[in-house]
Amino acid sequence: MVVLANPPVVDQIPLLRSPGPRDSFAAVPVVDLSSPGAARAIVDASERFGFFKVVNHGVAGDTMERAETEAVKFFAQAQADKDRAGPAYPPFGYGSKRIGLNGDMGWLEYLLLAVDSASLSDACTVPAAAAFRAALNEYITAVRKVAVRVLEAMAEGLGIAPADALSAMVTEQGSDQLFRVNHYPPCPALQGLGCSATGFGEHTDPQLISVLRSNGTSGLQIALRDGAQWVSVPSDRDAFFVNVGDSLQVLTNGRFRSVKHRVVTNSLMSRVSFIYFGGPPLAQRIAPLPELLGEGEESLYREFTWGEYKKAAYNTRLGDNRLAQFEKK
């Protein structure tokens, strides 16, 4: 955290040291989804970092570009027009700076959207523009397929059956899926001061899996060594980045790591990102899978439903250890 004697006005948003060249994480695991070794590579990355980049994913470049173009148009509107699409809480729509209901702030604006099956829920009326909605539905359909392929590869690599043991949780009726479109405007007031505004504060994702894509502007950071070191993830607009979520950490009894991550803003360039969150139905029981427990190995967590964990998670601050209250002492 950076503290300035006379900080520029950034609406009480925390400041962080600006990333430098030495902060770049050159060792980001890269998984080729078309490779025969993809399953093993995904398991290895999920155990080591809880995070990896996916290439050869099969999503058309035009699909990604259309969604990004329409998002840029939306966020370029007058503030009054965007405000009519909110507030994001409750339950869905446009939000700005305020993240959730517990006091977390970020230098961003965003759309928080509900997904039903493989497209935006009819109950989610935002965005209203037909072109934007169509572009997002095309993108969500494609990225959800990537999430399913990754979860099926995880099951294969872990040696659990059936093949959809994990992916069915995000494809079955009633699965709890979300989609975020984040826009991090540039913050030129901080240029040359050695610090950057917090775009999205440090946190883990509570769902099973998150699949992210952004434009060519960097800003995403992940924590190594339990938060002792933050490293910057080089941007790649043609790839997807996958985060292991809290629920998947529990299902694997801690074998996979739910990655702590954050976003640091750029002083001159805007960042636009899309995140698909794959969660199970609210009644889904979350507990370590029996086939992943070794002989005599006990569960590290007490069993809960996704609905119970979701409620608990969203009642906390972003940076809290959300799983702590479900760990067996």
C-alpha atoms as a PDB file:
ATOM      1  CA  MET A   1       0.000   0.000   0.000  1.00  0.00           C
ATOM      2  CA  VAL A   2       1.218   3.492  -0.893  1.00  0.00           C
ATOM      3  CA  VAL A   3       0.443   6.540   1.241  1.00  0.00           C
ATOM      4  CA  LEU A   4       0.933  10.003  -0.276  1.00  0.00           C
ATOM      5  CA  ALA A   5       1.164  13.185   1.775  1.00  0.00           C
ATOM      6  CA  ASN A   6      -1.096  15.028  -0.667  1.00  0.00           C
ATOM      7  CA  PRO A   7      -2.754  12.359  -2.847  1.00  0.00           C
ATOM      8  CA  PRO A   8      -4.768  13.332  -5.903  1.00  0.00           C
ATOM      9  CA  VAL A   9      -8.501  12.854  -5.499  1.00  0.00           C
ATOM     10  CA  VAL A  10      -9.405   9.262  -6.366  1.00  0.00           C
ATOM     11  CA  ASP A  11     -12.560   8.978  -4.273  1.00  0.00           C
ATOM     12  CA  GLN A  12     -10.933   7.293  -1.271  1.00  0.00           C
ATOM     13  CA  ILE A  13      -9.690   4.428  -3.416  1.00  0.00           C
ATOM     14  CA  PRO A  14      -6.573   2.670  -2.040  1.00  0.00           C
ATOM     15  CA  LEU A  15      -3.288   3.356  -3.823  1.00  0.00           C
ATOM     16  CA  LEU A  16      -0.716   0.710  -4.682  1.00  0.00           C
ATOM     17  CA  ARG A  17       2.883   0.852  -5.812  1.00  0.00           C
ATOM     18  CA  SER A  18       2.942   1.005  -9.597  1.00  0.00           C
ATOM     19  CA  PRO A  19       4.138  -2.283 -11.109  1.00  0.00           C
ATOM     20  CA  GLY A  20       7.604  -2.270 -12.611  1.00  0.00           C
ATOM     21  CA  PRO A  21       9.323  -4.515 -15.191  1.00  0.00           C
ATOM     22  CA  ARG A  22      10.658  -6.785 -12.447  1.00  0.00           C
ATOM     23  CA  ASP A  23       7.112  -7.514 -11.279  1.00  0.00           C
ATOM     24  CA  SER A  24       6.192  -9.255 -14.543  1.00  0.00           C
ATOM     25  CA  PHE A  25       5.302 -12.925 -14.062  1.00  0.00           C
ATOM     26  CA  ALA A  26       7.123 -14.597 -16.923  1.00  0.00           C
ATOM     27  CA  ALA A  27       6.319 -18.060 -15.560  1.00  0.00           C
ATOM     28  CA  VAL A  28       2.547 -17.935 -16.175  1.00  0.00           C
ATOM     29  CA  PRO A  29       1.604 -21.551 -17.005  1.00  0.00           C
ATOM     30  CA  VAL A  30       0.343 -21.807 -20.576  1.00  0.00           C
ATOM     31  CA  VAL A  31      -2.054 -24.626 -21.458  1.00  0.00           C
ATOM     32  CA  ASP A  32      -2.706 -25.582 -25.069  1.00  0.00           C
ATOM     33  CA  LEU A  33      -6.257 -26.954 -24.950  1.00  0.00           C
ATOM     34  CA  SER A  34      -5.674 -28.810 -28.227  1.00  0.00           C
ATOM     35  CA  SER A  35      -2.697 -30.687 -26.776  1.00  0.00           C
ATOM     36  CA  PRO A  36      -2.906 -34.305 -25.539  1.00  0.00           C
ATOM     37  CA  GLY A  37      -1.101 -33.149 -22.406  1.00  0.00           C
ATOM     38  CA  ALA A  38      -3.644 -30.442 -21.544  1.00  0.00           C
ATOM     39  CA  ALA A  39      -5.237 -32.343 -18.645  1.00  0.00           C
ATOM     40  CA  ARG A  40      -1.946 -32.946 -16.880  1.00  0.00           C
ATOM     41  CA  ALA A  41      -0.815 -29.362 -17.483  1.00  0.00           C
ATOM     42  CA  ILE A  42      -4.056 -27.959 -16.053  1.00  0.00           C
ATOM     43  CA  VAL A  43      -3.806 -30.053 -12.899  1.00  0.00           C
ATOM     44  CA  ASP A  44      -0.164 -29.055 -12.422  1.00  0.00           C
ATOM     45  CA  ALA A  45      -0.934 -25.334 -12.815  1.00  0.00           C
ATOM     46  CA  SER A  46      -3.977 -25.577 -10.533  1.00  0.00           C
ATOM     47  CA  GLU A  47      -1.884 -27.192  -7.818  1.00  0.00           C
ATOM     48  CA  ARG A  48       1.043 -24.785  -8.111  1.00  0.00           C
ATOM     49  CA  PHE A  49      -0.697 -21.456  -8.728  1.00  0.00           C
ATOM     50  CA  GLY A  50      -4.456 -21.905  -9.067  1.00  0.00           C
ATOM     51  CA  PHE A  51      -4.049 -19.904 -12.261  1.00  0.00           C
ATOM     52  CA  PHE A  52      -3.080 -20.479 -15.895  1.00  0.00           C
ATOM     53  CA  LYS A  53      -3.425 -19.145 -19.437  1.00  0.00           C
ATOM     54  CA  VAL A  54      -5.358 -21.076 -22.083  1.00  0.00           C
ATOM     55  CA  VAL A  55      -4.480 -20.942 -25.780  1.00  0.00           C
ATOM     56  CA  ASN A  56      -5.907 -22.780 -28.811  1.00  0.00           C
ATOM     57  CA  HIS A  57      -9.270 -22.518 -27.077  1.00  0.00           C
ATOM     58  CA  GLY A  58     -11.403 -22.432 -30.202  1.00  0.00           C
ATOM     59  CA  VAL A  59     -13.146 -19.094 -29.583  1.00  0.00           C
ATOM     60  CA  ALA A  60     -13.248 -16.997 -32.752  1.00  0.00           C
ATOM     61  CA  GLY A  61     -11.394 -13.704 -32.673  1.00  0.00           C
ATOM     62  CA  ASP A  62     -14.442 -11.967 -34.149  1.00  0.00           C
ATOM     63  CA  THR A  63     -16.541 -13.122 -31.197  1.00  0.00           C
ATOM     64  CA  MET A  64     -14.099 -11.567 -28.742  1.00  0.00           C
ATOM     65  CA  GLU A  65     -13.695  -8.373 -30.761  1.00  0.00           C
ATOM     66  CA  ARG A  66     -17.443  -7.774 -31.117  1.00  0.00           C
ATOM     67  CA  ALA A  67     -17.992  -8.074 -27.380  1.00  0.00           C
ATOM     68  CA  GLU A  68     -15.099  -5.717 -26.640  1.00  0.00           C
ATOM     69  CA  THR A  69     -16.243  -3.164 -29.218  1.00  0.00           C
ATOM     70  CA  GLU A  70     -19.781  -3.063 -27.819  1.00  0.00           C
ATOM     71  CA  ALA A  71     -18.490  -2.814 -24.250  1.00  0.00           C
ATOM     72  CA  VAL A  72     -16.295   0.145 -25.155  1.00  0.00           C
ATOM     73  CA  LYS A  73     -19.325   1.837 -26.720  1.00  0.00           C
ATOM     74  CA  PHE A  74     -21.391   1.261 -23.591  1.00  0.00           C
ATOM     75  CA  PHE A  75     -18.799   2.682 -21.213  1.00  0.00           C
ATOM     76  CA  ALA A  76     -18.228   5.675 -23.519  1.00  0.00           C
ATOM     77  CA  GLN A  77     -21.808   6.851 -22.927  1.00  0.00           C
ATOM     78  CA  ALA A  78     -22.673   9.820 -20.757  1.00  0.00           C
ATOM     79  CA  GLN A  79     -22.683   8.976 -17.065  1.00  0.00           C
ATOM     80  CA  ALA A  80     -26.403   9.662 -16.756  1.00  0.00           C
ATOM     81  CA  ASP A  81     -27.149   7.092 -19.478  1.00  0.00           C
ATOM     82  CA  LYS A  82     -25.005   4.468 -17.777  1.00  0.00           C
ATOM     83  CA  ASP A  83     -26.549   5.158 -14.394  1.00  0.00           C
ATOM     84  CA  ARG A  84     -29.949   4.251 -15.809  1.00  0.00           C
ATOM     85  CA  ALA A  85     -28.615   0.695 -16.216  1.00  0.00           C
ATOM     86  CA  GLY A  86     -27.928   0.405 -12.466  1.00  0.00           C
ATOM     87  CA  PRO A  87     -27.479  -0.049  -9.638  1.00  0.00           C
ATOM     88  CA  ALA A  88     -25.640  -3.368  -9.747  1.00  0.00           C
ATOM     89  CA  TYR A  89     -26.739  -4.279  -6.215  1.00  0.00           C
ATOM     90  CA  PRO A  90     -29.407  -5.516  -6.021  1.00  0.00           C
ATOM     91  CA  PRO A  91     -29.399  -7.577  -8.134  1.00  0.00           C
ATOM     92  CA  PHE A  92     -27.725  -6.890 -11.517  1.00  0.00           C
ATOM     93  CA  GLY A  93     -26.713  -4.026 -13.747  1.00  0.00           C
ATOM     94  CA  TYR A  94     -24.296  -1.112 -13.842  1.00  0.00           C
ATOM     95  CA  GLY A  95     -22.054  -0.122 -10.951  1.00  0.00           C
ATOM     96  CA  SER A  96     -19.249   2.392 -10.482  1.00  0.00           C
ATOM     97  CA  LYS A  97     -16.407   2.412  -7.932  1.00  0.00           C
ATOM     98  CA  ARG A  98     -18.395   0.710  -5.198  1.00  0.00           C
ATOM     99  CA  ILE A  99     -17.789  -3.072  -5.221  1.00  0.00           C
ATOM    100  CA  GLY A 100     -20.468  -4.974  -3.349  1.00  0.00           C
ATOM    101  CA  LEU A 101     -22.134  -3.763  -0.179  1.00  0.00           C
ATOM    102  CA  ASN A 102     -19.297  -3.905   2.336  1.00  0.00           C
ATOM    103  CA  GLY A 103     -17.246  -0.781   1.660  1.00  0.00           C
ATOM    104  CA  ASP A 104     -14.809  -2.024  -0.994  1.00  0.00           C
ATOM    105  CA  MET A 105     -13.909   0.599  -3.592  1.00  0.00           C
ATOM    106  CA  GLY A 106     -12.106   0.444  -6.927  1.00  0.00           C
ATOM    107  CA  TRP A 107     -11.200   2.741  -9.809  1.00  0.00           C
ATOM    108  CA  LEU A 108     -13.610   1.021 -12.173  1.00  0.00           C
ATOM    109  CA  GLU A 109     -17.091   0.817 -13.593  1.00  0.00           C
ATOM    110  CA  TYR A 110     -18.737  -2.444 -14.475  1.00  0.00           C
ATOM    111  CA  LEU A 111     -21.739  -4.502 -15.491  1.00  0.00           C
ATOM    112  CA  LEU A 112     -22.703  -7.443 -13.282  1.00  0.00           C
ATOM    113  CA  LEU A 113     -24.957  -9.818 -15.202  1.00  0.00           C
ATOM    114  CA  ALA A 114     -26.835 -13.087 -14.605  1.00  0.00           C
ATOM    115  CA  VAL A 115     -26.366 -16.039 -16.946  1.00  0.00           C
ATOM    116  CA  ASP A 116     -29.062 -18.640 -17.555  1.00  0.00           C
ATOM    117  CA  SER A 117     -27.779 -21.737 -19.337  1.00  0.00           C
ATOM    118  CA  ALA A 118     -25.447 -20.301 -22.004  1.00  0.00           C
ATOM    119  CA  SER A 119     -26.748 -16.747 -22.386  1.00  0.00           C
ATOM    120  CA  LEU A 120     -27.843 -13.739 -20.371  1.00  0.00           C
ATOM    121  CA  SER A 121     -30.865 -14.377 -18.206  1.00  0.00           C
ATOM    122  CA  ASP A 122     -34.147 -12.925 -19.483  1.00  0.00           C
ATOM    123  CA  ALA A 123     -34.623 -11.524 -15.989  1.00  0.00           C
ATOM    124  CA  CYS A 124     -31.446  -9.487 -16.467  1.00  0.00           C
ATOM    125  CA  THR A 125     -32.621  -6.577 -18.620  1.00  0.00           C
ATOM    126  CA  VAL A 126     -29.166  -4.983 -18.837  1.00  0.00           C
ATOM    127  CA  PRO A 127     -27.719  -4.321 -21.347  1.00  0.00           C
ATOM    128  CA  ALA A 128     -30.779  -3.166 -23.246  1.00  0.00           C
ATOM    129  CA  ALA A 129     -29.018  -2.415 -26.557  1.00  0.00           C
ATOM    130  CA  ALA A 130     -29.690  -5.296 -28.943  1.00  0.00           C
ATOM    131  CA  ALA A 131     -26.212  -5.287 -30.533  1.00  0.00           C
ATOM    132  CA  PHE A 132     -24.427  -5.336 -27.167  1.00  0.00           C
ATOM    133  CA  ARG A 133     -26.688  -8.059 -25.802  1.00  0.00           C
ATOM    134  CA  ALA A 134     -26.232 -10.215 -28.900  1.00  0.00           C
ATOM    135  CA  ALA A 135     -22.454  -9.791 -28.776  1.00  0.00           C
ATOM    136  CA  LEU A 136     -22.352 -10.760 -25.091  1.00  0.00           C
ATOM    137  CA  ASN A 137     -24.571 -13.809 -25.639  1.00  0.00           C
ATOM    138  CA  GLU A 138     -22.320 -15.012 -28.458  1.00  0.00           C
ATOM    139  CA  TYR A 139     -19.275 -14.496 -26.249  1.00  0.00           C
ATOM    140  CA  ILE A 140     -20.818 -16.145 -23.165  1.00  0.00           C
ATOM    141  CA  THR A 141     -21.848 -19.213 -25.182  1.00  0.00           C
ATOM    142  CA  ALA A 142     -18.272 -19.579 -26.430  1.00  0.00           C
ATOM    143  CA  VAL A 143     -16.472 -18.918 -23.150  1.00  0.00           C
ATOM    144  CA  ARG A 144     -18.778 -21.271 -21.242  1.00  0.00           C
ATOM    145  CA  LYS A 145     -17.646 -24.034 -23.597  1.00  0.00           C
ATOM    146  CA  VAL A 146     -14.044 -23.192 -22.669  1.00  0.00           C
ATOM    147  CA  ALA A 147     -14.932 -23.464 -18.979  1.00  0.00           C
ATOM    148  CA  VAL A 148     -16.543 -26.867 -19.570  1.00  0.00           C
ATOM    149  CA  ARG A 149     -13.515 -28.129 -21.498  1.00  0.00           C
ATOM    150  CA  VAL A 150     -11.209 -26.970 -18.716  1.00  0.00           C
ATOM    151  CA  LEU A 151     -13.326 -28.597 -15.985  1.00  0.00           C
ATOM    152  CA  GLU A 152     -13.507 -31.848 -17.956  1.00  0.00           C
ATOM    153  CA  ALA A 153      -9.735 -31.771 -18.408  1.00  0.00           C
ATOM    154  CA  MET A 154      -9.374 -31.242 -14.660  1.00  0.00           C
ATOM    155  CA  ALA A 155     -11.507 -34.313 -13.995  1.00  0.00           C
ATOM    156  CA  GLU A 156      -9.406 -36.316 -16.442  1.00  0.00           C
ATOM    157  CA  GLY A 157      -6.156 -35.141 -14.917  1.00  0.00           C
ATOM    158  CA  LEU A 158      -7.382 -35.899 -11.402  1.00  0.00           C
ATOM    159  CA  GLY A 159      -8.557 -39.350 -12.467  1.00  0.00           C
ATOM    160  CA  ILE A 160     -12.172 -38.867 -11.395  1.00  0.00           C
ATOM    161  CA  ALA A 161     -15.269 -40.090 -13.206  1.00  0.00           C
ATOM    162  CA  PRO A 162     -17.582 -39.427 -14.905  1.00  0.00           C
ATOM    163  CA  ALA A 163     -15.960 -36.969 -17.294  1.00  0.00           C
ATOM    164  CA  ASP A 164     -18.468 -34.288 -16.320  1.00  0.00           C
ATOM    165  CA  ALA A 165     -18.044 -34.772 -12.560  1.00  0.00           C
ATOM    166  CA  LEU A 166     -17.013 -31.119 -12.277  1.00  0.00           C
ATOM    167  CA  SER A 167     -18.416 -29.523 -15.424  1.00  0.00           C
ATOM    168  CA  ALA A 168     -21.975 -30.733 -14.732  1.00  0.00           C
ATOM    169  CA  MET A 169     -22.058 -28.416 -11.741  1.00  0.00           C
ATOM    170  CA  VAL A 170     -21.987 -25.392 -14.063  1.00  0.00           C
ATOM    171  CA  THR A 171     -24.142 -26.816 -16.869  1.00  0.00           C
ATOM    172  CA  GLU A 172     -27.025 -28.471 -15.034  1.00  0.00           C
ATOM    173  CA  GLN A 173     -30.356 -26.757 -14.519  1.00  0.00           C
ATOM    174  CA  GLY A 174     -30.160 -24.025 -11.903  1.00  0.00           C
ATOM    175  CA  SER A 175     -26.397 -23.566 -12.043  1.00  0.00           C
ATOM    176  CA  ASP A 176     -25.380 -20.194 -10.609  1.00  0.00           C
ATOM    177  CA  GLN A 177     -23.420 -18.396 -13.306  1.00  0.00           C
ATOM    178  CA  LEU A 178     -22.388 -14.755 -13.432  1.00  0.00           C
ATOM    179  CA  PHE A 179     -20.743 -12.532 -15.989  1.00  0.00           C
ATOM    180  CA  ARG A 180     -18.857  -9.289 -15.363  1.00  0.00           C
ATOM    181  CA  VAL A 181     -17.733  -6.632 -17.795  1.00  0.00           C
ATOM    182  CA  ASN A 182     -15.167  -4.408 -16.060  1.00  0.00           C
ATOM    183  CA  HIS A 183     -13.865  -1.082 -17.325  1.00  0.00           C
ATOM    184  CA  TYR A 184     -10.860   0.461 -15.594  1.00  0.00           C
ATOM    185  CA  PRO A 185     -10.488   4.052 -16.858  1.00  0.00           C
ATOM    186  CA  PRO A 186      -7.012   5.591 -16.964  1.00  0.00           C
ATOM    187  CA  CYS A 187      -6.008   7.597 -13.913  1.00  0.00           C
ATOM    188  CA  PRO A 188      -3.689  10.322 -15.300  1.00  0.00           C
ATOM    189  CA  ALA A 189      -3.653  12.243 -11.997  1.00  0.00           C
ATOM    190  CA  LEU A 190      -1.289   9.585 -10.626  1.00  0.00           C
ATOM    191  CA  GLN A 191       1.130   9.583 -13.572  1.00  0.00           C
ATOM    192  CA  GLY A 192       4.756   9.882 -12.477  1.00  0.00           C
ATOM    193  CA  LEU A 193       3.973   9.506  -8.771  1.00  0.00           C
ATOM    194  CA  GLY A 194       5.079   5.881  -8.515  1.00  0.00           C
ATOM    195  CA  CYS A 195       1.647   4.688  -7.477  1.00  0.00           C
ATOM    196  CA  SER A 196      -1.553   3.456  -9.091  1.00  0.00           C
ATOM    197  CA  ALA A 197      -5.164   3.323  -7.998  1.00  0.00           C
ATOM    198  CA  THR A 198      -6.605  -0.024  -6.975  1.00  0.00           C
ATOM    199  CA  GLY A 199      -8.888  -1.169  -9.758  1.00  0.00           C
ATOM    200  CA  PHE A 200     -10.258  -4.247  -8.016  1.00  0.00           C
ATOM    201  CA  GLY A 201      -8.945  -5.132  -4.565  1.00  0.00           C
ATOM    202  CA  GLU A 202      -7.279  -8.420  -3.678  1.00  0.00           C
ATOM    203  CA  HIS A 203      -9.659 -11.358  -3.376  1.00  0.00           C
ATOM    204  CA  THR A 204     -10.337 -14.934  -4.333  1.00  0.00           C
ATOM    205  CA  ASP A 205     -13.344 -15.991  -6.405  1.00  0.00           C
ATOM    206  CA  PRO A 206     -15.899 -18.050  -4.467  1.00  0.00           C
ATOM    207  CA  GLN A 207     -17.195 -20.065  -7.444  1.00  0.00           C
ATOM    208  CA  LEU A 208     -15.663 -23.167  -9.021  1.00  0.00           C
ATOM    209  CA  ILE A 209     -13.895 -21.460 -11.891  1.00  0.00           C
ATOM    210  CA  SER A 210     -13.449 -18.058 -13.508  1.00  0.00           C
ATOM    211  CA  VAL A 211     -12.471 -17.479 -17.135  1.00  0.00           C
ATOM    212  CA  LEU A 212     -11.120 -14.019 -17.966  1.00  0.00           C
ATOM    213  CA  ARG A 213     -10.189 -12.131 -21.091  1.00  0.00           C
ATOM    214  CA  SER A 214      -9.060  -8.513 -21.348  1.00  0.00           C
ATOM    215  CA  ASN A 215      -7.915  -6.041 -23.959  1.00  0.00           C
ATOM    216  CA  GLY A 216      -4.219  -5.354 -24.435  1.00  0.00           C
ATOM    217  CA  THR A 217      -3.820  -3.301 -21.242  1.00  0.00           C
ATOM    218  CA  SER A 218      -2.087  -5.007 -18.321  1.00  0.00           C
ATOM    219  CA  GLY A 219      -3.164  -4.646 -14.707  1.00  0.00           C
ATOM    220  CA  LEU A 220      -4.009  -8.117 -13.447  1.00  0.00           C
ATOM    221  CA  GLN A 221      -1.807  -9.335 -10.597  1.00  0.00           C
ATOM    222  CA  ILE A 222      -1.760 -12.640  -8.725  1.00  0.00           C
ATOM    223  CA  ALA A 223      -0.314 -13.423  -5.323  1.00  0.00           C
ATOM    224  CA  LEU A 224       2.514 -15.920  -4.904  1.00  0.00           C
ATOM    225  CA  ARG A 225       3.654 -17.522  -1.663  1.00  0.00           C
ATOM    226  CA  ASP A 226       0.357 -16.892   0.142  1.00  0.00           C
ATOM    227  CA  GLY A 227       0.361 -13.195  -0.687  1.00  0.00           C
ATOM    228  CA  ALA A 228       3.983 -12.496   0.187  1.00  0.00           C
ATOM    229  CA  GLN A 229       4.681 -11.477  -3.417  1.00  0.00           C
ATOM    230  CA  TRP A 230       2.461  -9.869  -6.047  1.00  0.00           C
ATOM    231  CA  VAL A 231       3.340 -10.407  -9.705  1.00  0.00           C
ATOM    232  CA  SER A 232       1.894  -8.801 -12.833  1.00  0.00           C
ATOM    233  CA  VAL A 233       0.367 -11.008 -15.506  1.00  0.00           C
ATOM    234  CA  PRO A 234       1.388  -9.974 -19.039  1.00  0.00           C
ATOM    235  CA  SER A 235      -1.688  -9.169 -21.104  1.00  0.00           C
ATOM    236  CA  ASP A 236      -2.738 -11.395 -23.996  1.00  0.00           C
ATOM    237  CA  ARG A 237      -5.980 -10.431 -25.690  1.00  0.00           C
ATOM    238  CA  ASP A 238      -6.045 -13.658 -27.726  1.00  0.00           C
ATOM    239  CA  ALA A 239      -5.926 -15.955 -24.695  1.00  0.00           C
ATOM    240  CA  PHE A 240      -8.085 -16.727 -21.678  1.00  0.00           C
ATOM    241  CA  PHE A 241      -6.892 -16.760 -18.078  1.00  0.00           C
ATOM    242  CA  VAL A 242      -8.414 -19.283 -15.684  1.00  0.00           C
ATOM    243  CA  ASN A 243      -8.705 -18.879 -11.920  1.00  0.00           C
ATOM    244  CA  VAL A 244      -9.381 -21.740  -9.521  1.00  0.00           C
ATOM    245  CA  GLY A 245     -12.162 -20.655  -7.141  1.00  0.00           C
ATOM    246  CA  ASP A 246     -12.791 -21.358  -3.473  1.00  0.00           C
ATOM    247  CA  SER A 247     -15.372 -24.072  -4.155  1.00  0.00           C
ATOM    248  CA  LEU A 248     -12.963 -26.003  -6.362  1.00  0.00           C
ATOM    249  CA  GLN A 249     -10.290 -25.741  -3.677  1.00  0.00           C
ATOM    250  CA  VAL A 250     -12.713 -27.417  -1.264  1.00  0.00           C
ATOM    251  CA  LEU A 251     -13.757 -30.110  -3.763  1.00  0.00           C
ATOM    252  CA  THR A 252     -10.084 -31.054  -4.149  1.00  0.00           C
ATOM    253  CA  ASN A 253      -9.460 -30.791  -0.375  1.00  0.00           C
ATOM    254  CA  GLY A 254      -6.920 -28.044  -0.891  1.00  0.00           C
ATOM    255  CA  ARG A 255      -5.023 -29.785  -3.673  1.00  0.00           C
ATOM    256  CA  PHE A 256      -5.999 -26.986  -6.056  1.00  0.00           C
ATOM    257  CA  ARG A 257      -5.330 -23.446  -4.825  1.00  0.00           C
ATOM    258  CA  SER A 258      -7.892 -20.673  -5.058  1.00  0.00           C
ATOM    259  CA  VAL A 259      -5.737 -17.863  -6.389  1.00  0.00           C
ATOM    260  CA  LYS A 260      -5.701 -14.447  -4.745  1.00  0.00           C
ATOM    261  CA  HIS A 261      -5.665 -11.717  -7.376  1.00  0.00           C
ATOM    262  CA  ARG A 262      -6.271  -7.995  -7.897  1.00  0.00           C
ATOM    263  CA  VAL A 263      -6.208  -5.341 -10.612  1.00  0.00           C
ATOM    264  CA  VAL A 264      -3.962  -2.255 -10.625  1.00  0.00           C
ATOM    265  CA  THR A 265      -5.022   0.604 -12.879  1.00  0.00           C
ATOM    266  CA  ASN A 266      -2.967   2.163 -15.645  1.00  0.00           C
ATOM    267  CA  SER A 267      -2.383   5.919 -15.556  1.00  0.00           C
ATOM    268  CA  LEU A 268      -2.794   6.386 -19.321  1.00  0.00           C
ATOM    269  CA  MET A 269      -4.642   3.396 -20.789  1.00  0.00           C
ATOM    270  CA  SER A 270      -8.066   1.942 -20.076  1.00  0.00           C
ATOM    271  CA  ARG A 271      -8.550  -1.752 -19.401  1.00  0.00           C
ATOM    272  CA  VAL A 272     -11.659  -3.710 -20.375  1.00  0.00           C
ATOM    273  CA  SER A 273     -12.096  -7.247 -19.110  1.00  0.00           C
ATOM    274  CA  PHE A 274     -14.738  -9.958 -19.323  1.00  0.00           C
ATOM    275  CA  ILE A 275     -15.076 -12.596 -16.612  1.00  0.00           C
ATOM    276  CA  TYR A 276     -17.291 -15.684 -16.688  1.00  0.00           C
ATOM    277  CA  PHE A 277     -17.915 -17.172 -13.235  1.00  0.00           C
ATOM    278  CA  GLY A 278     -19.047 -20.801 -13.182  1.00  0.00           C
ATOM    279  CA  GLY A 279     -20.906 -21.729 -10.012  1.00  0.00           C
ATOM    280  CA  PRO A 280     -23.113 -24.704  -9.112  1.00  0.00           C
ATOM    281  CA  PRO A 281     -26.813 -24.684  -8.163  1.00  0.00           C
ATOM    282  CA  LEU A 282     -27.503 -23.149  -4.772  1.00  0.00           C
ATOM    283  CA  ALA A 283     -28.403 -26.532  -3.260  1.00  0.00           C
ATOM    284  CA  GLN A 284     -25.211 -28.241  -4.484  1.00  0.00           C
ATOM    285  CA  ARG A 285     -23.282 -29.794  -1.589  1.00  0.00           C
ATOM    286  CA  ILE A 286     -19.637 -28.715  -1.523  1.00  0.00           C
ATOM    287  CA  ALA A 287     -17.203 -31.111   0.160  1.00  0.00           C
ATOM    288  CA  PRO A 288     -13.973 -32.881  -0.849  1.00  0.00           C
ATOM    289  CA  LEU A 289     -14.641 -35.533  -3.475  1.00  0.00           C
ATOM    290  CA  PRO A 290     -14.196 -38.985  -1.848  1.00  0.00           C
ATOM    291  CA  GLU A 291     -12.069 -40.275  -4.743  1.00  0.00           C
ATOM    292  CA  LEU A 292      -9.531 -37.518  -4.106  1.00  0.00           C
ATOM    293  CA  LEU A 293      -9.058 -38.359  -0.438  1.00  0.00           C
ATOM    294  CA  GLY A 294      -6.130 -40.657   0.229  1.00  0.00           C
ATOM    295  CA  GLU A 295      -6.314 -43.517   2.699  1.00  0.00           C
ATOM    296  CA  GLY A 296      -6.839 -42.039   6.137  1.00  0.00           C
ATOM    297  CA  GLU A 297      -6.997 -38.485   4.773  1.00  0.00           C
ATOM    298  CA  GLU A 298      -9.645 -36.316   6.383  1.00  0.00           C
ATOM    299  CA  SER A 299     -11.537 -33.410   4.937  1.00  0.00           C
ATOM    300  CA  LEU A 300     -10.033 -30.015   5.692  1.00  0.00           C
ATOM    301  CA  TYR A 301     -13.464 -28.397   5.437  1.00  0.00           C
ATOM    302  CA  ARG A 302     -16.917 -28.907   6.823  1.00  0.00           C
ATOM    303  CA  GLU A 303     -19.564 -29.583   4.216  1.00  0.00           C
ATOM    304  CA  PHE A 304     -21.759 -26.719   3.019  1.00  0.00           C
ATOM    305  CA  THR A 305     -24.047 -25.854   0.140  1.00  0.00           C
ATOM    306  CA  TRP A 306     -23.062 -23.368  -2.527  1.00  0.00           C
ATOM    307  CA  GLY A 307     -25.953 -21.186  -1.369  1.00  0.00           C
ATOM    308  CA  GLU A 308     -24.570 -21.116   2.171  1.00  0.00           C
ATOM    309  CA  TYR A 309     -21.081 -20.268   1.006  1.00  0.00           C
ATOM    310  CA  LYS A 310     -22.233 -17.650  -1.476  1.00  0.00           C
ATOM    311  CA  LYS A 311     -24.204 -15.849   1.233  1.00  0.00           C
ATOM    312  CA  ALA A 312     -21.254 -15.978   3.636  1.00  0.00           C
ATOM    313  CA  ALA A 313     -18.773 -14.863   0.956  1.00  0.00           C
ATOM    314  CA  TYR A 314     -20.761 -11.840  -0.140  1.00  0.00           C
ATOM    315  CA  ASN A 315     -21.225 -10.737   3.454  1.00  0.00           C
ATOM    316  CA  THR A 316     -17.470 -10.271   3.822  1.00  0.00           C
ATOM    317  CA  ARG A 317     -14.950  -7.753   2.542  1.00  0.00           C
ATOM    318  CA  LEU A 318     -13.081  -8.624  -0.664  1.00  0.00           C
ATOM    319  CA  GLY A 319      -9.771  -9.361   1.051  1.00  0.00           C
ATOM    320  CA  ASP A 320     -11.163 -11.552   3.846  1.00  0.00           C
ATOM    321  CA  ASN A 321     -10.292 -15.239   4.026  1.00  0.00           C
ATOM    322  CA  ARG A 322     -13.745 -16.424   3.052  1.00  0.00           C
ATOM    323  CA  LEU A 323     -13.016 -20.117   3.575  1.00  0.00           C
ATOM    324  CA  ALA A 324     -11.707 -19.679   7.107  1.00  0.00           C
ATOM    325  CA  GLN A 325     -15.098 -20.101   8.753  1.00  0.00           C
ATOM    326  CA  PHE A 326     -15.621 -23.394   6.909  1.00  0.00           C
ATOM    327  CA  GLU A 327     -12.252 -24.916   7.750  1.00  0.00           C
ATOM    328  CA  LYS A 328     -12.106 -27.714  10.277  1.00  0.00           C
ATOM    329  CA  LYS A 329      -9.992 -26.655  13.205  1.00  0.00           C
END
